[in-house]
Amino acid sequence: MRQLSKLYTEPSNNPFEPKLHAYSLRGVSISKNTMYVCRRAEPDLIDMDLDGDGENAKSDQWWRIHYAPMGASPVTVEVSGFHSLVGL
């Protein structure tokens, strides 16, 4: 049972088993009408790492997409502060 629980959570020494890759949360659906999607934010030209010291890290940007079956605007897409809620 212990070996099965570690099957895809720890790297294996067996060269025939698939390699594991880290992943991160890229989307969440909180209802049938609302979802949050994460994408890499476009770099700001002012904040680019021009001197090569590695200070500027890429940041993620969460977008809220809401579908309303009735109303003047059926789809709403906006940048969200969702990252603060999930601790990303």
PDB file of N, CA and C in Angstrom:
ATOM      1  N   MET A   1       0.823  -1.185   0.000  1.00  0.00           N
ATOM      2  CA  MET A   1       0.000   0.000   0.000  1.00  0.00           C
ATOM      3  C   MET A   1       0.877   1.263   0.000  1.00  0.00           C
ATOM      4  N   ARG A   2       1.964   1.229   0.776  1.00  0.00           N
ATOM      5  CA  ARG A   2       2.863   2.376   0.845  1.00  0.00           C
ATOM      6  C   ARG A   2       3.493   2.652  -0.523  1.00  0.00           C
ATOM      7  N   GLN A   3       3.871   1.612  -1.233  1.00  0.00           N
ATOM      8  CA  GLN A   3       4.483   1.770  -2.548  1.00  0.00           C
ATOM      9  C   GLN A   3       3.478   2.393  -3.530  1.00  0.00           C
ATOM     10  N   LEU A   4       2.231   1.991  -3.470  1.00  0.00           N
ATOM     11  CA  LEU A   4       1.208   2.572  -4.343  1.00  0.00           C
ATOM     12  C   LEU A   4       0.959   4.038  -4.022  1.00  0.00           C
ATOM     13  N   SER A   5       0.994   4.399  -2.747  1.00  0.00           N
ATOM     14  CA  SER A   5       0.735   5.790  -2.372  1.00  0.00           C
ATOM     15  C   SER A   5       1.852   6.726  -2.840  1.00  0.00           C
ATOM     16  N   LYS A   6       3.046   6.196  -3.052  1.00  0.00           N
ATOM     17  CA  LYS A   6       4.176   7.006  -3.494  1.00  0.00           C
ATOM     18  C   LYS A   6       4.385   6.962  -5.010  1.00  0.00           C
ATOM     19  N   LEU A   7       3.527   6.221  -5.721  1.00  0.00           N
ATOM     20  CA  LEU A   7       3.726   5.975  -7.141  1.00  0.00           C
ATOM     21  C   LEU A   7       3.912   7.254  -7.946  1.00  0.00           C
ATOM     22  N   TYR A   8       3.070   8.262  -7.776  1.00  0.00           N
ATOM     23  CA  TYR A   8       3.205   9.494  -8.563  1.00  0.00           C
ATOM     24  C   TYR A   8       3.463  10.717  -7.693  1.00  0.00           C
ATOM     25  N   THR A   9       3.957  10.496  -6.477  1.00  0.00           N
ATOM     26  CA  THR A   9       4.277  11.625  -5.606  1.00  0.00           C
ATOM     27  C   THR A   9       5.770  11.773  -5.351  1.00  0.00           C
ATOM     28  N   GLU A  10       6.535  10.723  -5.599  1.00  0.00           N
ATOM     29  CA  GLU A  10       7.979  10.772  -5.420  1.00  0.00           C
ATOM     30  C   GLU A  10       8.659  10.254  -6.686  1.00  0.00           C
ATOM     31  N   PRO A  11       9.796  10.829  -7.067  1.00  0.00           N
ATOM     32  CA  PRO A  11      10.512  10.335  -8.254  1.00  0.00           C
ATOM     33  C   PRO A  11      10.953   8.882  -8.055  1.00  0.00           C
ATOM     34  N   SER A  12      10.903   8.129  -9.126  1.00  0.00           N
ATOM     35  CA  SER A  12      11.292   6.725  -9.076  1.00  0.00           C
ATOM     36  C   SER A  12      12.706   6.551  -9.628  1.00  0.00           C
ATOM     37  N   ASN A  13      13.393   5.531  -9.150  1.00  0.00           N
ATOM     38  CA  ASN A  13      14.716   5.191  -9.667  1.00  0.00           C
ATOM     39  C   ASN A  13      14.615   4.302 -10.906  1.00  0.00           C
ATOM     40  N   ASN A  14      13.424   3.797 -11.174  1.00  0.00           N
ATOM     41  CA  ASN A  14      13.203   2.921 -12.318  1.00  0.00           C
ATOM     42  C   ASN A  14      13.173   3.757 -13.597  1.00  0.00           C
ATOM     43  N   PRO A  15      14.082   3.510 -14.553  1.00  0.00           N
ATOM     44  CA  PRO A  15      14.128   4.330 -15.773  1.00  0.00           C
ATOM     45  C   PRO A  15      12.927   4.116 -16.692  1.00  0.00           C
ATOM     46  N   PHE A  16      12.135   3.064 -16.478  1.00  0.00           N
ATOM     47  CA  PHE A  16      10.984   2.778 -17.331  1.00  0.00           C
ATOM     48  C   PHE A  16       9.704   3.474 -16.862  1.00  0.00           C
ATOM     49  N   GLU A  17       9.714   4.003 -15.652  1.00  0.00           N
ATOM     50  CA  GLU A  17       8.543   4.730 -15.149  1.00  0.00           C
ATOM     51  C   GLU A  17       8.585   6.173 -15.645  1.00  0.00           C
ATOM     52  N   PRO A  18       7.418   6.789 -15.840  1.00  0.00           N
ATOM     53  CA  PRO A  18       7.404   8.170 -16.353  1.00  0.00           C
ATOM     54  C   PRO A  18       8.026   9.143 -15.357  1.00  0.00           C
ATOM     55  N   LYS A  19       8.665  10.185 -15.917  1.00  0.00           N
ATOM     56  CA  LYS A  19       9.246  11.224 -15.064  1.00  0.00           C
ATOM     57  C   LYS A  19       8.123  12.121 -14.548  1.00  0.00           C
ATOM     58  N   LEU A  20       8.303  12.604 -13.340  1.00  0.00           N
ATOM     59  CA  LEU A  20       7.305  13.490 -12.741  1.00  0.00           C
ATOM     60  C   LEU A  20       7.649  14.935 -13.040  1.00  0.00           C
ATOM     61  N   HIS A  21       6.637  15.762 -13.238  1.00  0.00           N
ATOM     62  CA  HIS A  21       6.814  17.179 -13.490  1.00  0.00           C
ATOM     63  C   HIS A  21       5.951  17.966 -12.514  1.00  0.00           C
ATOM     64  N   ALA A  22       6.517  19.022 -11.974  1.00  0.00           N
ATOM     65  CA  ALA A  22       5.753  19.876 -11.064  1.00  0.00           C
ATOM     66  C   ALA A  22       4.681  20.619 -11.848  1.00  0.00           C
ATOM     67  N   TYR A  23       3.571  20.875 -11.221  1.00  0.00           N
ATOM     68  CA  TYR A  23       2.507  21.634 -11.852  1.00  0.00           C
ATOM     69  C   TYR A  23       1.945  22.630 -10.851  1.00  0.00           C
ATOM     70  N   SER A  24       1.233  23.609 -11.358  1.00  0.00           N
ATOM     71  CA  SER A  24       0.605  24.585 -10.481  1.00  0.00           C
ATOM     72  C   SER A  24      -0.843  24.797 -10.919  1.00  0.00           C
ATOM     73  N   LEU A  25      -1.628  25.287 -10.017  1.00  0.00           N
ATOM     74  CA  LEU A  25      -3.040  25.522 -10.276  1.00  0.00           C
ATOM     75  C   LEU A  25      -3.203  26.590 -11.341  1.00  0.00           C
ATOM     76  N   ARG A  26      -3.950  26.312 -12.405  1.00  0.00           N
ATOM     77  CA  ARG A  26      -4.149  27.258 -13.506  1.00  0.00           C
ATOM     78  C   ARG A  26      -5.604  27.640 -13.688  1.00  0.00           C
ATOM     79  N   GLY A  27      -6.520  27.014 -12.988  1.00  0.00           N
ATOM     80  CA  GLY A  27      -7.921  27.381 -13.124  1.00  0.00           C
ATOM     81  C   GLY A  27      -8.777  26.743 -12.050  1.00  0.00           C
ATOM     82  N   VAL A  28      -9.876  27.421 -11.707  1.00  0.00           N
ATOM     83  CA  VAL A  28     -10.814  26.945 -10.698  1.00  0.00           C
ATOM     84  C   VAL A  28     -12.210  27.327 -11.136  1.00  0.00           C
ATOM     85  N   SER A  29     -13.139  26.394 -11.033  1.00  0.00           N
ATOM     86  CA  SER A  29     -14.539  26.692 -11.290  1.00  0.00           C
ATOM     87  C   SER A  29     -15.248  26.693  -9.949  1.00  0.00           C
ATOM     88  N   ILE A  30     -15.823  27.846  -9.573  1.00  0.00           N
ATOM     89  CA  ILE A  30     -16.478  27.923  -8.273  1.00  0.00           C
ATOM     90  C   ILE A  30     -17.994  27.756  -8.369  1.00  0.00           C
ATOM     91  N   SER A  31     -18.526  27.834  -9.572  1.00  0.00           N
ATOM     92  CA  SER A  31     -19.941  27.556  -9.820  1.00  0.00           C
ATOM     93  C   SER A  31     -20.093  27.252 -11.301  1.00  0.00           C
ATOM     94  N   LYS A  32     -21.314  26.904 -11.715  1.00  0.00           N
ATOM     95  CA  LYS A  32     -21.487  26.597 -13.138  1.00  0.00           C
ATOM     96  C   LYS A  32     -21.388  27.847 -14.002  1.00  0.00           C
ATOM     97  N   ASN A  33     -21.456  29.034 -13.404  1.00  0.00           N
ATOM     98  CA  ASN A  33     -21.390  30.284 -14.158  1.00  0.00           C
ATOM     99  C   ASN A  33     -20.114  31.087 -13.940  1.00  0.00           C
ATOM    100  N   THR A  34     -19.290  30.712 -12.969  1.00  0.00           N
ATOM    101  CA  THR A  34     -18.108  31.510 -12.639  1.00  0.00           C
ATOM    102  C   THR A  34     -16.863  30.637 -12.559  1.00  0.00           C
ATOM    103  N   MET A  35     -15.822  31.097 -13.226  1.00  0.00           N
ATOM    104  CA  MET A  35     -14.542  30.402 -13.153  1.00  0.00           C
ATOM    105  C   MET A  35     -13.413  31.419 -13.070  1.00  0.00           C
ATOM    106  N   TYR A  36     -12.296  30.973 -12.546  1.00  0.00           N
ATOM    107  CA  TYR A  36     -11.085  31.777 -12.473  1.00  0.00           C
ATOM    108  C   TYR A  36     -10.010  31.047 -13.263  1.00  0.00           C
ATOM    109  N   VAL A  37      -9.295  31.784 -14.109  1.00  0.00           N
ATOM    110  CA  VAL A  37      -8.235  31.220 -14.932  1.00  0.00           C
ATOM    111  C   VAL A  37      -6.961  32.014 -14.667  1.00  0.00           C
ATOM    112  N   CYS A  38      -5.873  31.296 -14.490  1.00  0.00           N
ATOM    113  CA  CYS A  38      -4.589  31.934 -14.222  1.00  0.00           C
ATOM    114  C   CYS A  38      -3.720  31.891 -15.461  1.00  0.00           C
ATOM    115  N   ARG A  39      -3.127  33.021 -15.769  1.00  0.00           N
ATOM    116  CA  ARG A  39      -2.171  33.047 -16.884  1.00  0.00           C
ATOM    117  C   ARG A  39      -0.984  33.912 -16.497  1.00  0.00           C
ATOM    118  N   ARG A  40       0.112  33.691 -17.147  1.00  0.00           N
ATOM    119  CA  ARG A  40       1.332  34.450 -16.885  1.00  0.00           C
ATOM    120  C   ARG A  40       1.107  35.885 -17.330  1.00  0.00           C
ATOM    121  N   ALA A  41       1.375  36.842 -16.460  1.00  0.00           N
ATOM    122  CA  ALA A  41       1.176  38.261 -16.773  1.00  0.00           C
ATOM    123  C   ALA A  41       2.231  38.713 -17.778  1.00  0.00           C
ATOM    124  N   GLU A  42       1.842  39.616 -18.646  1.00  0.00           N
ATOM    125  CA  GLU A  42       2.777  40.186 -19.606  1.00  0.00           C
ATOM    126  C   GLU A  42       3.770  41.081 -18.854  1.00  0.00           C
ATOM    127  N   PRO A  43       5.043  41.051 -19.227  1.00  0.00           N
ATOM    128  CA  PRO A  43       6.021  41.877 -18.510  1.00  0.00           C
ATOM    129  C   PRO A  43       5.798  43.364 -18.784  1.00  0.00           C
ATOM    130  N   ASP A  44       5.985  44.141 -17.756  1.00  0.00           N
ATOM    131  CA  ASP A  44       5.907  45.591 -17.883  1.00  0.00           C
ATOM    132  C   ASP A  44       7.286  46.069 -18.341  1.00  0.00           C
ATOM    133  N   LEU A  45       7.331  46.862 -19.391  1.00  0.00           N
ATOM    134  CA  LEU A  45       8.617  47.293 -19.936  1.00  0.00           C
ATOM    135  C   LEU A  45       9.454  48.057 -18.920  1.00  0.00           C
ATOM    136  N   ILE A  46       8.815  48.754 -18.007  1.00  0.00           N
ATOM    137  CA  ILE A  46       9.547  49.500 -16.985  1.00  0.00           C
ATOM    138  C   ILE A  46      10.195  48.551 -15.987  1.00  0.00           C
ATOM    139  N   ASP A  47       9.530  47.416 -15.709  1.00  0.00           N
ATOM    140  CA  ASP A  47      10.019  46.488 -14.696  1.00  0.00           C
ATOM    141  C   ASP A  47      10.864  45.351 -15.254  1.00  0.00           C
ATOM    142  N   MET A  48      11.210  45.404 -16.530  1.00  0.00           N
ATOM    143  CA  MET A  48      11.996  44.316 -17.111  1.00  0.00           C
ATOM    144  C   MET A  48      13.375  44.238 -16.463  1.00  0.00           C
ATOM    145  N   ASP A  49      13.898  43.021 -16.395  1.00  0.00           N
ATOM    146  CA  ASP A  49      15.206  42.769 -15.789  1.00  0.00           C
ATOM    147  C   ASP A  49      16.300  43.024 -16.824  1.00  0.00           C
ATOM    148  N   LEU A  50      16.594  44.290 -17.063  1.00  0.00           N
ATOM    149  CA  LEU A  50      17.562  44.643 -18.097  1.00  0.00           C
ATOM    150  C   LEU A  50      19.000  44.433 -17.668  1.00  0.00           C
ATOM    151  N   ASP A  51      19.266  44.503 -16.366  1.00  0.00           N
ATOM    152  CA  ASP A  51      20.644  44.332 -15.916  1.00  0.00           C
ATOM    153  C   ASP A  51      20.991  42.863 -15.653  1.00  0.00           C
ATOM    154  N   GLY A  52      20.026  41.956 -15.778  1.00  0.00           N
ATOM    155  CA  GLY A  52      20.299  40.525 -15.667  1.00  0.00           C
ATOM    156  C   GLY A  52      20.553  40.024 -14.264  1.00  0.00           C
ATOM    157  N   ASP A  53      20.093  40.746 -13.244  1.00  0.00           N
ATOM    158  CA  ASP A  53      20.339  40.285 -11.882  1.00  0.00           C
ATOM    159  C   ASP A  53      19.275  39.305 -11.389  1.00  0.00           C
ATOM    160  N   GLY A  54      18.241  39.030 -12.209  1.00  0.00           N
ATOM    161  CA  GLY A  54      17.221  38.053 -11.848  1.00  0.00           C
ATOM    162  C   GLY A  54      16.205  38.550 -10.857  1.00  0.00           C
ATOM    163  N   GLU A  55      16.173  39.817 -10.579  1.00  0.00           N
ATOM    164  CA  GLU A  55      15.247  40.364  -9.594  1.00  0.00           C
ATOM    165  C   GLU A  55      13.787  40.291 -10.037  1.00  0.00           C
ATOM    166  N   ASN A  56      13.550  40.424 -11.338  1.00  0.00           N
ATOM    167  CA  ASN A  56      12.179  40.472 -11.839  1.00  0.00           C
ATOM    168  C   ASN A  56      11.676  39.062 -12.133  1.00  0.00           C
ATOM    169  N   ALA A  57      10.767  38.551 -11.327  1.00  0.00           N
ATOM    170  CA  ALA A  57      10.190  37.230 -11.551  1.00  0.00           C
ATOM    171  C   ALA A  57       8.864  37.374 -12.285  1.00  0.00           C
ATOM    172  N   LYS A  58       8.547  36.378 -13.098  1.00  0.00           N
ATOM    173  CA  LYS A  58       7.267  36.397 -13.802  1.00  0.00           C
ATOM    174  C   LYS A  58       6.157  36.230 -12.772  1.00  0.00           C
ATOM    175  N   SER A  59       5.062  36.944 -12.974  1.00  0.00           N
ATOM    176  CA  SER A  59       3.964  36.831 -12.031  1.00  0.00           C
ATOM    177  C   SER A  59       2.740  36.276 -12.728  1.00  0.00           C
ATOM    178  N   ASP A  60       1.901  35.640 -11.951  1.00  0.00           N
ATOM    179  CA  ASP A  60       0.658  35.100 -12.470  1.00  0.00           C
ATOM    180  C   ASP A  60      -0.452  36.120 -12.314  1.00  0.00           C
ATOM    181  N   GLN A  61      -1.389  36.056 -13.222  1.00  0.00           N
ATOM    182  CA  GLN A  61      -2.515  36.985 -13.196  1.00  0.00           C
ATOM    183  C   GLN A  61      -3.799  36.155 -13.270  1.00  0.00           C
ATOM    184  N   TRP A  62      -4.681  36.321 -12.281  1.00  0.00           N
ATOM    185  CA  TRP A  62      -5.939  35.583 -12.240  1.00  0.00           C
ATOM    186  C   TRP A  62      -7.044  36.408 -12.891  1.00  0.00           C
ATOM    187  N   TRP A  63      -7.807  35.760 -13.756  1.00  0.00           N
ATOM    188  CA  TRP A  63      -8.922  36.389 -14.454  1.00  0.00           C
ATOM    189  C   TRP A  63     -10.213  35.715 -14.031  1.00  0.00           C
ATOM    190  N   ARG A  64     -11.231  36.524 -13.770  1.00  0.00           N
ATOM    191  CA  ARG A  64     -12.562  36.016 -13.427  1.00  0.00           C
ATOM    192  C   ARG A  64     -13.418  36.043 -14.684  1.00  0.00           C
ATOM    193  N   ILE A  65     -14.029  34.917 -15.008  1.00  0.00           N
ATOM    194  CA  ILE A  65     -14.933  34.821 -16.151  1.00  0.00           C
ATOM    195  C   ILE A  65     -16.291  34.407 -15.609  1.00  0.00           C
ATOM    196  N   HIS A  66     -17.283  35.244 -15.854  1.00  0.00           N
ATOM    197  CA  HIS A  66     -18.634  34.979 -15.345  1.00  0.00           C
ATOM    198  C   HIS A  66     -19.625  35.011 -16.506  1.00  0.00           C
ATOM    199  N   TYR A  67     -20.461  33.989 -16.561  1.00  0.00           N
ATOM    200  CA  TYR A  67     -21.486  33.889 -17.583  1.00  0.00           C
ATOM    201  C   TYR A  67     -22.845  34.118 -16.930  1.00  0.00           C
ATOM    202  N   ALA A  68     -23.601  35.080 -17.447  1.00  0.00           N
ATOM    203  CA  ALA A  68     -24.951  35.357 -16.952  1.00  0.00           C
ATOM    204  C   ALA A  68     -25.930  35.006 -18.076  1.00  0.00           C
ATOM    205  N   PRO A  69     -26.836  34.055 -17.860  1.00  0.00           N
ATOM    206  CA  PRO A  69     -27.742  33.650 -18.930  1.00  0.00           C
ATOM    207  C   PRO A  69     -28.686  34.753 -19.402  1.00  0.00           C
ATOM    208  N   MET A  70     -28.915  35.754 -18.577  1.00  0.00           N
ATOM    209  CA  MET A  70     -29.780  36.871 -18.966  1.00  0.00           C
ATOM    210  C   MET A  70     -29.060  38.181 -18.701  1.00  0.00           C
ATOM    211  N   GLY A  71     -29.437  39.217 -19.444  1.00  0.00           N
ATOM    212  CA  GLY A  71     -28.861  40.537 -19.215  1.00  0.00           C
ATOM    213  C   GLY A  71     -28.202  41.093 -20.448  1.00  0.00           C
ATOM    214  N   ALA A  72     -27.768  42.332 -20.324  1.00  0.00           N
ATOM    215  CA  ALA A  72     -27.172  43.030 -21.460  1.00  0.00           C
ATOM    216  C   ALA A  72     -25.797  42.465 -21.814  1.00  0.00           C
ATOM    217  N   SER A  73     -25.015  42.063 -20.814  1.00  0.00           N
ATOM    218  CA  SER A  73     -23.688  41.513 -21.108  1.00  0.00           C
ATOM    219  C   SER A  73     -23.628  40.092 -20.538  1.00  0.00           C
ATOM    220  N   PRO A  74     -23.779  39.080 -21.398  1.00  0.00           N
ATOM    221  CA  PRO A  74     -23.827  37.701 -20.908  1.00  0.00           C
ATOM    222  C   PRO A  74     -22.495  37.173 -20.373  1.00  0.00           C
ATOM    223  N   VAL A  75     -21.379  37.730 -20.824  1.00  0.00           N
ATOM    224  CA  VAL A  75     -20.074  37.259 -20.352  1.00  0.00           C
ATOM    225  C   VAL A  75     -19.283  38.436 -19.802  1.00  0.00           C
ATOM    226  N   THR A  76     -18.758  38.264 -18.595  1.00  0.00           N
ATOM    227  CA  THR A  76     -17.923  39.280 -17.973  1.00  0.00           C
ATOM    228  C   THR A  76     -16.541  38.679 -17.743  1.00  0.00           C
ATOM    229  N   VAL A  77     -15.509  39.366 -18.227  1.00  0.00           N
ATOM    230  CA  VAL A  77     -14.123  38.927 -18.031  1.00  0.00           C
ATOM    231  C   VAL A  77     -13.374  40.086 -17.401  1.00  0.00           C
ATOM    232  N   GLU A  78     -12.719  39.821 -16.262  1.00  0.00           N
ATOM    233  CA  GLU A  78     -11.995  40.884 -15.570  1.00  0.00           C
ATOM    234  C   GLU A  78     -10.817  40.309 -14.805  1.00  0.00           C
ATOM    235  N   VAL A  79      -9.797  41.134 -14.621  1.00  0.00           N
ATOM    236  CA  VAL A  79      -8.662  40.746 -13.789  1.00  0.00           C
ATOM    237  C   VAL A  79      -9.159  40.690 -12.361  1.00  0.00           C
ATOM    238  N   SER A  80      -8.739  39.665 -11.645  1.00  0.00           N
ATOM    239  CA  SER A  80      -9.252  39.448 -10.304  1.00  0.00           C
ATOM    240  C   SER A  80      -8.143  39.476  -9.276  1.00  0.00           C
ATOM    241  N   GLY A  81      -8.497  39.679  -8.026  1.00  0.00           N
ATOM    242  CA  GLY A  81      -7.569  39.587  -6.904  1.00  0.00           C
ATOM    243  C   GLY A  81      -7.605  38.210  -6.297  1.00  0.00           C
ATOM    244  N   PHE A  82      -8.034  37.198  -7.061  1.00  0.00           N
ATOM    245  CA  PHE A  82      -8.193  35.840  -6.569  1.00  0.00           C
ATOM    246  C   PHE A  82      -6.906  35.266  -5.997  1.00  0.00           C
ATOM    247  N   HIS A  83      -5.754  35.689  -6.510  1.00  0.00           N
ATOM    248  CA  HIS A  83      -4.474  35.144  -6.041  1.00  0.00           C
ATOM    249  C   HIS A  83      -4.297  35.314  -4.546  1.00  0.00           C
ATOM    250  N   SER A  84      -4.852  36.393  -3.998  1.00  0.00           N
ATOM    251  CA  SER A  84      -4.709  36.613  -2.561  1.00  0.00           C
ATOM    252  C   SER A  84      -5.571  35.635  -1.759  1.00  0.00           C
ATOM    253  N   LEU A  85      -6.640  35.105  -2.371  1.00  0.00           N
ATOM    254  CA  LEU A  85      -7.503  34.184  -1.675  1.00  0.00           C
ATOM    255  C   LEU A  85      -6.915  32.777  -1.586  1.00  0.00           C
ATOM    256  N   VAL A  86      -6.177  32.366  -2.614  1.00  0.00           N
ATOM    257  CA  VAL A  86      -5.623  31.025  -2.614  1.00  0.00           C
ATOM    258  C   VAL A  86      -4.163  30.990  -2.197  1.00  0.00           C
ATOM    259  N   GLY A  87      -3.589  32.123  -1.903  1.00  0.00           N
ATOM    260  CA  GLY A  87      -2.224  32.183  -1.412  1.00  0.00           C
ATOM    261  C   GLY A  87      -1.174  31.956  -2.483  1.00  0.00           C
ATOM    262  N   LEU A  88      -1.482  32.290  -3.724  1.00  0.00           N
ATOM    263  CA  LEU A  88      -0.500  32.115  -4.795  1.00  0.00           C
ATOM    264  C   LEU A  88       0.270  33.375  -5.033  1.00  0.00           C
TER     265      LEU A  88
END
